[in-house]
């Protein structure tokens, strides 16, 4: 699990992408194929020029050319500095709100305030992931009971009708306030503010080889697919957008995603 897929070298000496390019799709052109027009517009606001002219790609061949991230040392330092600065500031500013959330959780249902879970980070390294508990305390052991309610394809589980979600949890999930404890993960270096959502180990075992490329960078609290439809997207579209983020990363892109995250949270679009 978490093994990095070996990348070859192209004739020009640049890293050849992991995975296989879609049939008829020229190198360097990427596509997300099952988004609606409005969802494509949402993505285009963050990544102008993403929708380049290219032959149609069918979901039967959902491959992208993904070069290994060639981030310079100063870029990595700048991204980490942004993470630490913003995460520390938000933790201080949100402290009173987090105390109120903790009290509401305790009054609403029995169990711990903070939910801890093993997730897979950069290069397949496991870490402890934190969030406010929004489900009943034994939610993980009851997953098999609600598996038939899953509304998303692929190895992940998401459902609007999940009976394990508590009353307070429904509010927290719609507003994404349950994610606030992950600011601690960012300070620890387990995660970044922006990046692919860190998966569960069981999800990674079901990845196709090309999907493992989303583990090439640290996972994030928010990311490109979160501001492009959130739970309205299918799993493969989520992965494609994660790979787009990796190949096009810049500090400016991170800032744009962070700013759009505020709007997405306020409108609760695609949240459940």
Foldseek 3Di string as FASTA:
>chain_A
DLAADDWDADPVRFTWFPWDDFPQFDAPQADDAPDDPLLVVLLCVLVPPNDDDTPHGDPVRLTHGFGQQPDDPVQVVVQLVVLQVVLVVCCVVCVVVLVVQLVVVVVFADDHQKDWAWFAWASRDIDIAIFGDFFHHCVVVCCVVCVVQAPADADDGDHPPPPRGTPSSQVCQLLVVRRSVCSVVSNVVQAGQEAQATHHPVRVVRDDNRLSSSNNHTHHSYYSVCSSQAQNDHPSSSSSRRSVCSRDPDPVSVVSRVVSNVVCSVVSGNTD
